[in-house]
Structures are given as structure tokens and as C-alpha cells.
């Protein structure tokens, strides 16, 4: 436990340092401010972070730093911001898989893991240090079921009263849960997330976008930016937000 806490504290310190170094000339912040054109209060923006095991070390350090930086900028501009993450409760299915085994292993069981959806910043509130630090805890990063996470996050942001809603998924790869894929086929989670993305994009409320962390999310999402390097993440996030808020939705009846 002491070793895990020391690792966690090092990640927190490293991520703070990265956050403090982002956008030293405020160029990205100025671009976003210009895009909002004084109407940031009309927007609610959700950040949904993939917290799979592959995000360990530098990826989560940089993503958490960007979330901290971005939240501060957007809240200051007047937008409502929410930050969440998605992972699983345990590895390889955990208790859900054990229950399936005890029930006689029925064929094609569907998802065989317990989901973990964590809210780090509630919409309309500030991002506090204690909640942000949990994002960097070594025990959070496990497996990832993207489709259900997007549905969950869409339902959360959908209750907001702001006219414009933008949900941004930050991901470094395809959905993976070993227990689920072994019993349902290797394309099971991929098929589901593609269907969820297609349906969300067709509905358009919230607007769905994605930023890839060294991963071609533009193969899945129509509204996407890829950060080839971790240092490109702030630019990618700012570019996606600027592009979407510069083209506001038409007035609704």
C-alpha cells in the first residue's frame, strides 16, 4: 500500500507540472474564447476519459493534466464543465464472470464485467484537487467498455438545460474486456460502440466528438481530432472545441 501511495503521489506531482506548462502564452485559451464569442454560458461540455490499462503512466499523467487545464479555462469563460472516466471494477470480469460461471456458463452471455463510471467534476461545479487526484490513482486503470460509457455520459449531459451540449471522448484504443470478448466474440464490444457512436451522431444532442491519444479515433467518429504525440493533446482538445463552438446549433423552437 505504501508503494502504491508513493507511485500515486509521483503521478500527481508530474501531472501538476504538465498542467502548469500548458499554453504558457494563453494562445489556445484565446482561441477558445474567440470561438465562444461571449456565449460560453450557452454551452455545457463533458469530457469522458478512457481509463483503460493502456493509459498507465505518461498517457494518464498528460490526459489528467489536460483535463485540469481545460476545466479551468472553460469554467473561467463561463461554460458548464463535467469530467468523467470509465473503467471496470476489476480485471477479467471479476465477480460478474464468477456469477456467470456459477450459473452454468450460459452461451453468449453479453457483458461479463462490472462497469466503473467515475464523476470527477459534476456539471456546473469546479474541479477540486481531491477528485482530480483520484483520476491518477494506479487502481483505476483496468479495462474499458466504451459503448456503455458513451450512453451513460450522454444521459448525464442530456439533463442539462444549456442550448448547446458537447461530449468529448478521450481514448487511446478499442474497447477491451477479456471475459466479455472470450465468450461473445472478438468484435462484440467494437460492434456495440460503433452502433452507439452512429446513433449518437445521428441524434446530434449532445454533439459527440473524440480526441485520440495516439490512436485513429477518426476511423470511428465523424467529429474527431488525433493527437499523435502526448504533447499535442492540448492543441487537439482546443481545436475540437473551437471547431464545434464556432458552428452553433440553429435556434430551437
C-alpha atoms as a PDB file:
ATOM      1  CA  UNK A   1       0.000   0.000   0.000  1.00  0.00           C
ATOM      2  CA  UNK A   2       2.803   2.422   0.839  1.00  0.00           C
ATOM      3  CA  UNK A   3       4.454   1.727  -2.518  1.00  0.00           C
ATOM      4  CA  UNK A   4       1.165   2.330  -4.356  1.00  0.00           C
ATOM      5  CA  UNK A   5       0.670   5.601  -2.500  1.00  0.00           C
ATOM      6  CA  UNK A   6       4.191   6.739  -3.401  1.00  0.00           C
ATOM      7  CA  UNK A   7       3.561   5.926  -7.083  1.00  0.00           C
ATOM      8  CA  UNK A   8       0.273   7.816  -6.927  1.00  0.00           C
ATOM      9  CA  UNK A   9       1.899  10.879  -5.371  1.00  0.00           C
ATOM     10  CA  UNK A  10       4.589  10.924  -8.068  1.00  0.00           C
ATOM     11  CA  UNK A  11       1.909  10.799 -10.773  1.00  0.00           C
ATOM     12  CA  UNK A  12       0.026  13.666  -9.143  1.00  0.00           C
ATOM     13  CA  UNK A  13       3.167  15.800  -8.956  1.00  0.00           C
ATOM     14  CA  UNK A  14       4.101  15.008 -12.566  1.00  0.00           C
ATOM     15  CA  UNK A  15       0.610  15.791 -13.839  1.00  0.00           C
ATOM     16  CA  UNK A  16       0.505  19.116 -11.973  1.00  0.00           C
ATOM     17  CA  UNK A  17       3.795  20.050 -13.580  1.00  0.00           C
ATOM     18  CA  UNK A  18       2.477  19.219 -17.046  1.00  0.00           C
ATOM     19  CA  UNK A  19      -0.743  21.164 -16.401  1.00  0.00           C
ATOM     20  CA  UNK A  20       1.228  24.225 -15.319  1.00  0.00           C
ATOM     21  CA  UNK A  21       3.274  24.118 -18.537  1.00  0.00           C
ATOM     22  CA  UNK A  22       0.324  24.007 -20.962  1.00  0.00           C
ATOM     23  CA  UNK A  23      -0.327  27.087 -23.106  1.00  0.00           C
ATOM     24  CA  UNK A  24       2.169  29.493 -21.473  1.00  0.00           C
ATOM     25  CA  UNK A  25       1.230  32.319 -23.859  1.00  0.00           C
ATOM     26  CA  UNK A  26      -2.532  31.683 -23.481  1.00  0.00           C
ATOM     27  CA  UNK A  27      -2.841  31.276 -27.249  1.00  0.00           C
ATOM     28  CA  UNK A  28      -5.103  28.216 -27.028  1.00  0.00           C
ATOM     29  CA  UNK A  29      -7.232  29.844 -24.355  1.00  0.00           C
ATOM     30  CA  UNK A  30      -7.597  32.972 -26.500  1.00  0.00           C
ATOM     31  CA  UNK A  31      -8.679  30.886 -29.492  1.00  0.00           C
ATOM     32  CA  UNK A  32     -11.367  29.148 -27.471  1.00  0.00           C
ATOM     33  CA  UNK A  33     -12.535  32.460 -26.015  1.00  0.00           C
ATOM     34  CA  UNK A  34     -12.844  33.902 -29.520  1.00  0.00           C
ATOM     35  CA  UNK A  35     -14.812  30.860 -30.709  1.00  0.00           C
ATOM     36  CA  UNK A  36     -17.356  31.185 -27.903  1.00  0.00           C
ATOM     37  CA  UNK A  37     -17.861  34.850 -28.872  1.00  0.00           C
ATOM     38  CA  UNK A  38     -19.080  35.746 -25.405  1.00  0.00           C
ATOM     39  CA  UNK A  39     -21.673  32.936 -25.328  1.00  0.00           C
ATOM     40  CA  UNK A  40     -19.831  30.287 -23.320  1.00  0.00           C
ATOM     41  CA  UNK A  41     -22.711  30.182 -20.826  1.00  0.00           C
ATOM     42  CA  UNK A  42     -24.841  28.638 -23.598  1.00  0.00           C
ATOM     43  CA  UNK A  43     -22.567  25.589 -23.590  1.00  0.00           C
ATOM     44  CA  UNK A  44     -22.189  22.501 -21.445  1.00  0.00           C
ATOM     45  CA  UNK A  45     -19.092  20.438 -22.236  1.00  0.00           C
ATOM     46  CA  UNK A  46     -18.436  16.927 -20.977  1.00  0.00           C
ATOM     47  CA  UNK A  47     -15.064  15.208 -21.040  1.00  0.00           C
ATOM     48  CA  UNK A  48     -15.268  11.392 -20.945  1.00  0.00           C
ATOM     49  CA  UNK A  49     -11.865   9.789 -20.351  1.00  0.00           C
ATOM     50  CA  UNK A  50     -10.885   6.238 -21.283  1.00  0.00           C
ATOM     51  CA  UNK A  51      -9.212   4.809 -18.176  1.00  0.00           C
ATOM     52  CA  UNK A  52      -8.033   1.503 -19.572  1.00  0.00           C
ATOM     53  CA  UNK A  53      -4.792  -0.155 -18.520  1.00  0.00           C
ATOM     54  CA  UNK A  54      -3.007   1.091 -21.640  1.00  0.00           C
ATOM     55  CA  UNK A  55      -3.355   4.650 -20.281  1.00  0.00           C
ATOM     56  CA  UNK A  56      -0.899   3.838 -17.490  1.00  0.00           C
ATOM     57  CA  UNK A  57       1.952   6.274 -16.700  1.00  0.00           C
ATOM     58  CA  UNK A  58       2.582   9.056 -19.258  1.00  0.00           C
ATOM     59  CA  UNK A  59      -0.805   8.884 -21.040  1.00  0.00           C
ATOM     60  CA  UNK A  60      -2.932   9.347 -17.907  1.00  0.00           C
ATOM     61  CA  UNK A  61      -0.476  11.897 -16.487  1.00  0.00           C
ATOM     62  CA  UNK A  62      -0.888  14.023 -19.618  1.00  0.00           C
ATOM     63  CA  UNK A  63      -4.626  13.442 -20.055  1.00  0.00           C
ATOM     64  CA  UNK A  64      -5.308  14.366 -16.421  1.00  0.00           C
ATOM     65  CA  UNK A  65      -3.150  17.471 -16.830  1.00  0.00           C
ATOM     66  CA  UNK A  66      -5.127  18.495 -19.911  1.00  0.00           C
ATOM     67  CA  UNK A  67      -8.419  17.880 -18.111  1.00  0.00           C
ATOM     68  CA  UNK A  68      -7.282  20.113 -15.253  1.00  0.00           C
ATOM     69  CA  UNK A  69      -6.100  22.862 -17.603  1.00  0.00           C
ATOM     70  CA  UNK A  70      -9.146  22.683 -19.866  1.00  0.00           C
ATOM     71  CA  UNK A  71     -11.621  22.703 -16.985  1.00  0.00           C
ATOM     72  CA  UNK A  72     -10.058  25.842 -15.552  1.00  0.00           C
ATOM     73  CA  UNK A  73     -10.190  27.663 -18.901  1.00  0.00           C
ATOM     74  CA  UNK A  74     -13.766  26.697 -19.766  1.00  0.00           C
ATOM     75  CA  UNK A  75     -15.175  27.430 -16.309  1.00  0.00           C
ATOM     76  CA  UNK A  76     -13.482  30.828 -16.346  1.00  0.00           C
ATOM     77  CA  UNK A  77     -15.085  31.557 -19.723  1.00  0.00           C
ATOM     78  CA  UNK A  78     -18.498  30.679 -18.298  1.00  0.00           C
ATOM     79  CA  UNK A  79     -19.179  27.222 -19.736  1.00  0.00           C
ATOM     80  CA  UNK A  80     -20.514  24.387 -17.619  1.00  0.00           C
ATOM     81  CA  UNK A  81     -17.983  21.541 -17.494  1.00  0.00           C
ATOM     82  CA  UNK A  82     -18.183  17.914 -16.393  1.00  0.00           C
ATOM     83  CA  UNK A  83     -15.332  15.385 -16.306  1.00  0.00           C
ATOM     84  CA  UNK A  84     -15.851  11.635 -16.022  1.00  0.00           C
ATOM     85  CA  UNK A  85     -13.863   8.469 -16.592  1.00  0.00           C
ATOM     86  CA  UNK A  86     -14.731   4.902 -17.497  1.00  0.00           C
ATOM     87  CA  UNK A  87     -13.048   1.660 -16.484  1.00  0.00           C
ATOM     88  CA  UNK A  88     -14.073  -1.618 -14.840  1.00  0.00           C
ATOM     89  CA  UNK A  89     -14.341  -2.648 -11.200  1.00  0.00           C
ATOM     90  CA  UNK A  90     -11.836  -5.491 -11.641  1.00  0.00           C
ATOM     91  CA  UNK A  91      -9.782  -7.403 -14.171  1.00  0.00           C
ATOM     92  CA  UNK A  92     -11.036 -10.252 -16.378  1.00  0.00           C
ATOM     93  CA  UNK A  93     -14.681  -9.954 -15.414  1.00  0.00           C
ATOM     94  CA  UNK A  94     -14.326 -10.149 -11.651  1.00  0.00           C
ATOM     95  CA  UNK A  95     -17.485 -11.088  -9.760  1.00  0.00           C
ATOM     96  CA  UNK A  96     -19.701 -10.786 -12.841  1.00  0.00           C
ATOM     97  CA  UNK A  97     -17.731 -13.542 -14.553  1.00  0.00           C
ATOM     98  CA  UNK A  98     -17.742 -15.617 -11.365  1.00  0.00           C
ATOM     99  CA  UNK A  99     -21.544 -15.381 -11.202  1.00  0.00           C
ATOM    100  CA  UNK A 100     -21.724 -16.481 -14.837  1.00  0.00           C
ATOM    101  CA  UNK A 101     -19.517 -19.492 -14.082  1.00  0.00           C
ATOM    102  CA  UNK A 102     -21.643 -20.414 -11.058  1.00  0.00           C
ATOM    103  CA  UNK A 103     -24.793 -20.211 -13.209  1.00  0.00           C
ATOM    104  CA  UNK A 104     -23.544 -22.897 -15.601  1.00  0.00           C
ATOM    105  CA  UNK A 105     -21.821 -20.749 -18.239  1.00  0.00           C
ATOM    106  CA  UNK A 106     -24.807 -19.890 -20.466  1.00  0.00           C
ATOM    107  CA  UNK A 107     -23.810 -19.192 -24.079  1.00  0.00           C
ATOM    108  CA  UNK A 108     -23.490 -15.640 -25.454  1.00  0.00           C
ATOM    109  CA  UNK A 109     -23.849 -14.037 -22.016  1.00  0.00           C
ATOM    110  CA  UNK A 110     -23.214 -10.440 -23.091  1.00  0.00           C
ATOM    111  CA  UNK A 111     -21.035  -8.172 -20.996  1.00  0.00           C
ATOM    112  CA  UNK A 112     -19.112 -10.125 -18.335  1.00  0.00           C
ATOM    113  CA  UNK A 113     -17.624  -7.328 -16.266  1.00  0.00           C
ATOM    114  CA  UNK A 114     -18.762  -4.699 -13.778  1.00  0.00           C
ATOM    115  CA  UNK A 115     -18.507  -1.163 -15.124  1.00  0.00           C
ATOM    116  CA  UNK A 116     -16.844   1.697 -13.278  1.00  0.00           C
ATOM    117  CA  UNK A 117     -18.056   5.175 -14.274  1.00  0.00           C
ATOM    118  CA  UNK A 118     -16.460   7.874 -12.141  1.00  0.00           C
ATOM    119  CA  UNK A 119     -17.503  11.526 -11.945  1.00  0.00           C
ATOM    120  CA  UNK A 120     -14.512  13.746 -11.213  1.00  0.00           C
ATOM    121  CA  UNK A 121     -16.237  17.059 -11.845  1.00  0.00           C
ATOM    122  CA  UNK A 122     -20.004  17.491 -11.819  1.00  0.00           C
ATOM    123  CA  UNK A 123     -21.550  19.835 -14.352  1.00  0.00           C
ATOM    124  CA  UNK A 124     -21.714  23.389 -13.085  1.00  0.00           C
ATOM    125  CA  UNK A 125     -19.127  22.841 -10.362  1.00  0.00           C
ATOM    126  CA  UNK A 126     -15.388  23.418 -10.010  1.00  0.00           C
ATOM    127  CA  UNK A 127     -12.851  20.589 -10.327  1.00  0.00           C
ATOM    128  CA  UNK A 128     -11.479  20.072  -6.818  1.00  0.00           C
ATOM    129  CA  UNK A 129      -7.974  18.735  -6.195  1.00  0.00           C
ATOM    130  CA  UNK A 130      -9.096  15.655  -4.247  1.00  0.00           C
ATOM    131  CA  UNK A 131     -11.376  14.411  -7.031  1.00  0.00           C
ATOM    132  CA  UNK A 132      -8.857  15.206  -9.776  1.00  0.00           C
ATOM    133  CA  UNK A 133      -6.145  13.247  -7.945  1.00  0.00           C
ATOM    134  CA  UNK A 134      -8.319  10.105  -7.962  1.00  0.00           C
ATOM    135  CA  UNK A 135      -8.090  10.151 -11.754  1.00  0.00           C
ATOM    136  CA  UNK A 136      -4.383   9.341 -11.362  1.00  0.00           C
ATOM    137  CA  UNK A 137      -4.737   6.500  -8.859  1.00  0.00           C
ATOM    138  CA  UNK A 138      -2.983   3.305 -10.061  1.00  0.00           C
ATOM    139  CA  UNK A 139      -6.005   1.099  -9.222  1.00  0.00           C
ATOM    140  CA  UNK A 140      -8.422   2.969 -11.501  1.00  0.00           C
ATOM    141  CA  UNK A 141      -6.936   1.869 -14.843  1.00  0.00           C
ATOM    142  CA  UNK A 142      -8.306  -1.516 -15.879  1.00  0.00           C
ATOM    143  CA  UNK A 143     -10.487  -2.492 -18.854  1.00  0.00           C
ATOM    144  CA  UNK A 144     -12.841  -0.391 -20.969  1.00  0.00           C
ATOM    145  CA  UNK A 145     -16.343  -0.760 -22.372  1.00  0.00           C
ATOM    146  CA  UNK A 146     -16.696   2.390 -24.464  1.00  0.00           C
ATOM    147  CA  UNK A 147     -20.220   1.962 -25.821  1.00  0.00           C
ATOM    148  CA  UNK A 148     -21.988   1.843 -22.469  1.00  0.00           C
ATOM    149  CA  UNK A 149     -19.782   4.648 -21.147  1.00  0.00           C
ATOM    150  CA  UNK A 150     -20.865   6.928 -24.006  1.00  0.00           C
ATOM    151  CA  UNK A 151     -24.519   6.079 -23.396  1.00  0.00           C
ATOM    152  CA  UNK A 152     -24.112   6.830 -19.690  1.00  0.00           C
ATOM    153  CA  UNK A 153     -22.276  10.112 -20.288  1.00  0.00           C
ATOM    154  CA  UNK A 154     -24.831  11.171 -22.913  1.00  0.00           C
ATOM    155  CA  UNK A 155     -27.638  10.621 -20.423  1.00  0.00           C
ATOM    156  CA  UNK A 156     -25.800  12.716 -17.825  1.00  0.00           C
ATOM    157  CA  UNK A 157     -25.182  15.691 -20.097  1.00  0.00           C
ATOM    158  CA  UNK A 158     -28.629  15.333 -21.660  1.00  0.00           C
ATOM    159  CA  UNK A 159     -30.339  16.516 -18.480  1.00  0.00           C
ATOM    160  CA  UNK A 160     -28.665  19.930 -18.690  1.00  0.00           C
ATOM    161  CA  UNK A 161     -30.636  22.996 -19.759  1.00  0.00           C
ATOM    162  CA  UNK A 162     -27.904  24.676 -21.831  1.00  0.00           C
ATOM    163  CA  UNK A 163     -28.813  25.016 -25.507  1.00  0.00           C
ATOM    164  CA  UNK A 164     -25.534  23.542 -26.773  1.00  0.00           C
ATOM    165  CA  UNK A 165     -24.117  20.286 -25.461  1.00  0.00           C
ATOM    166  CA  UNK A 166     -20.743  18.805 -26.451  1.00  0.00           C
ATOM    167  CA  UNK A 167     -19.475  15.426 -25.238  1.00  0.00           C
ATOM    168  CA  UNK A 168     -15.794  14.716 -25.927  1.00  0.00           C
ATOM    169  CA  UNK A 169     -14.432  11.180 -25.603  1.00  0.00           C
ATOM    170  CA  UNK A 170     -10.686  10.939 -24.951  1.00  0.00           C
ATOM    171  CA  UNK A 171      -9.476   7.460 -25.900  1.00  0.00           C
ATOM    172  CA  UNK A 172      -6.304   5.567 -26.734  1.00  0.00           C
ATOM    173  CA  UNK A 173      -7.776   2.424 -28.254  1.00  0.00           C
ATOM    174  CA  UNK A 174     -10.603   0.000 -28.915  1.00  0.00           C
ATOM    175  CA  UNK A 175     -12.907  -1.306 -26.162  1.00  0.00           C
ATOM    176  CA  UNK A 176     -11.482  -4.351 -24.394  1.00  0.00           C
ATOM    177  CA  UNK A 177     -12.780  -6.658 -21.696  1.00  0.00           C
ATOM    178  CA  UNK A 178     -11.204 -10.082 -21.955  1.00  0.00           C
ATOM    179  CA  UNK A 179     -14.015 -12.044 -20.272  1.00  0.00           C
ATOM    180  CA  UNK A 180     -16.688 -10.457 -22.481  1.00  0.00           C
ATOM    181  CA  UNK A 181     -14.759 -10.930 -25.724  1.00  0.00           C
ATOM    182  CA  UNK A 182     -13.846 -14.545 -24.993  1.00  0.00           C
ATOM    183  CA  UNK A 183     -17.494 -15.545 -24.659  1.00  0.00           C
ATOM    184  CA  UNK A 184     -19.142 -13.259 -27.210  1.00  0.00           C
ATOM    185  CA  UNK A 185     -16.562 -12.997 -29.980  1.00  0.00           C
ATOM    186  CA  UNK A 186     -13.687 -10.572 -30.632  1.00  0.00           C
ATOM    187  CA  UNK A 187     -15.847  -7.962 -32.389  1.00  0.00           C
ATOM    188  CA  UNK A 188     -18.634  -7.837 -29.789  1.00  0.00           C
ATOM    189  CA  UNK A 189     -17.630  -4.623 -27.992  1.00  0.00           C
ATOM    190  CA  UNK A 190     -16.398  -2.995 -31.190  1.00  0.00           C
ATOM    191  CA  UNK A 191     -19.734  -3.608 -32.892  1.00  0.00           C
ATOM    192  CA  UNK A 192     -21.577  -2.106 -29.922  1.00  0.00           C
ATOM    193  CA  UNK A 193     -19.505   1.070 -29.654  1.00  0.00           C
ATOM    194  CA  UNK A 194     -19.766   1.698 -33.403  1.00  0.00           C
ATOM    195  CA  UNK A 195     -23.566   1.392 -33.175  1.00  0.00           C
ATOM    196  CA  UNK A 196     -23.657   3.742 -30.164  1.00  0.00           C
ATOM    197  CA  UNK A 197     -21.491   6.318 -31.959  1.00  0.00           C
ATOM    198  CA  UNK A 198     -23.630   6.105 -35.094  1.00  0.00           C
ATOM    199  CA  UNK A 199     -26.844   6.604 -33.111  1.00  0.00           C
ATOM    200  CA  UNK A 200     -25.429   9.492 -31.057  1.00  0.00           C
ATOM    201  CA  UNK A 201     -24.106  11.257 -34.125  1.00  0.00           C
ATOM    202  CA  UNK A 202     -27.472  10.884 -35.851  1.00  0.00           C
ATOM    203  CA  UNK A 203     -29.296  12.336 -32.829  1.00  0.00           C
ATOM    204  CA  UNK A 204     -26.847  15.242 -32.522  1.00  0.00           C
ATOM    205  CA  UNK A 205     -27.772  16.135 -28.938  1.00  0.00           C
ATOM    206  CA  UNK A 206     -25.290  16.101 -27.370  1.00  0.00           C
ATOM    207  CA  UNK A 207     -22.804  16.747 -30.146  1.00  0.00           C
ATOM    208  CA  UNK A 208     -20.364  13.837 -29.959  1.00  0.00           C
ATOM    209  CA  UNK A 209     -16.656  14.339 -30.571  1.00  0.00           C
ATOM    210  CA  UNK A 210     -13.461  12.455 -29.821  1.00  0.00           C
ATOM    211  CA  UNK A 211      -9.769  13.051 -29.294  1.00  0.00           C
ATOM    212  CA  UNK A 212      -7.443  10.139 -29.978  1.00  0.00           C
ATOM    213  CA  UNK A 213      -4.402   9.671 -27.762  1.00  0.00           C
ATOM    214  CA  UNK A 214      -2.033   8.323 -30.398  1.00  0.00           C
ATOM    215  CA  UNK A 215      -4.997   6.433 -31.850  1.00  0.00           C
ATOM    216  CA  UNK A 216      -7.054   6.977 -35.015  1.00  0.00           C
ATOM    217  CA  UNK A 217     -10.433   7.718 -33.452  1.00  0.00           C
ATOM    218  CA  UNK A 218     -11.341   9.434 -36.711  1.00  0.00           C
ATOM    219  CA  UNK A 219     -11.942   5.934 -38.093  1.00  0.00           C
ATOM    220  CA  UNK A 220     -14.920   5.696 -35.700  1.00  0.00           C
ATOM    221  CA  UNK A 221     -16.079   9.236 -35.064  1.00  0.00           C
ATOM    222  CA  UNK A 222     -17.002  11.794 -37.717  1.00  0.00           C
ATOM    223  CA  UNK A 223     -16.124  14.643 -35.359  1.00  0.00           C
ATOM    224  CA  UNK A 224     -12.591  13.780 -34.250  1.00  0.00           C
ATOM    225  CA  UNK A 225      -9.033  15.018 -33.797  1.00  0.00           C
ATOM    226  CA  UNK A 226      -5.983  12.796 -33.310  1.00  0.00           C
ATOM    227  CA  UNK A 227      -3.089  13.764 -31.035  1.00  0.00           C
ATOM    228  CA  UNK A 228      -0.149  11.837 -32.500  1.00  0.00           C
ATOM    229  CA  UNK A 229       2.001  12.749 -29.500  1.00  0.00           C
ATOM    230  CA  UNK A 230       1.042  13.391 -25.882  1.00  0.00           C
ATOM    231  CA  UNK A 231       2.338  16.940 -26.172  1.00  0.00           C
ATOM    232  CA  UNK A 232      -0.267  17.537 -28.913  1.00  0.00           C
ATOM    233  CA  UNK A 233      -3.212  16.846 -26.593  1.00  0.00           C
ATOM    234  CA  UNK A 234      -3.924  20.464 -25.529  1.00  0.00           C
ATOM    235  CA  UNK A 235      -3.926  21.610 -29.174  1.00  0.00           C
ATOM    236  CA  UNK A 236      -6.173  18.700 -30.173  1.00  0.00           C
ATOM    237  CA  UNK A 237      -8.712  19.430 -27.427  1.00  0.00           C
ATOM    238  CA  UNK A 238      -8.694  23.160 -28.150  1.00  0.00           C
ATOM    239  CA  UNK A 239      -9.087  22.519 -31.896  1.00  0.00           C
ATOM    240  CA  UNK A 240     -12.061  20.207 -31.393  1.00  0.00           C
ATOM    241  CA  UNK A 241     -13.813  22.630 -29.055  1.00  0.00           C
ATOM    242  CA  UNK A 242     -13.100  25.644 -31.255  1.00  0.00           C
ATOM    243  CA  UNK A 243     -14.406  23.870 -34.348  1.00  0.00           C
ATOM    244  CA  UNK A 244     -17.661  22.882 -32.666  1.00  0.00           C
ATOM    245  CA  UNK A 245     -18.494  26.070 -30.797  1.00  0.00           C
ATOM    246  CA  UNK A 246     -17.754  28.167 -33.887  1.00  0.00           C
ATOM    247  CA  UNK A 247     -20.715  26.456 -35.567  1.00  0.00           C
ATOM    248  CA  UNK A 248     -23.561  26.776 -33.047  1.00  0.00           C
ATOM    249  CA  UNK A 249     -26.821  24.934 -33.415  1.00  0.00           C
ATOM    250  CA  UNK A 250     -29.730  26.799 -35.014  1.00  0.00           C
ATOM    251  CA  UNK A 251     -32.325  28.278 -32.699  1.00  0.00           C
ATOM    252  CA  UNK A 252     -34.753  25.694 -31.438  1.00  0.00           C
ATOM    253  CA  UNK A 253     -38.493  26.322 -31.406  1.00  0.00           C
END
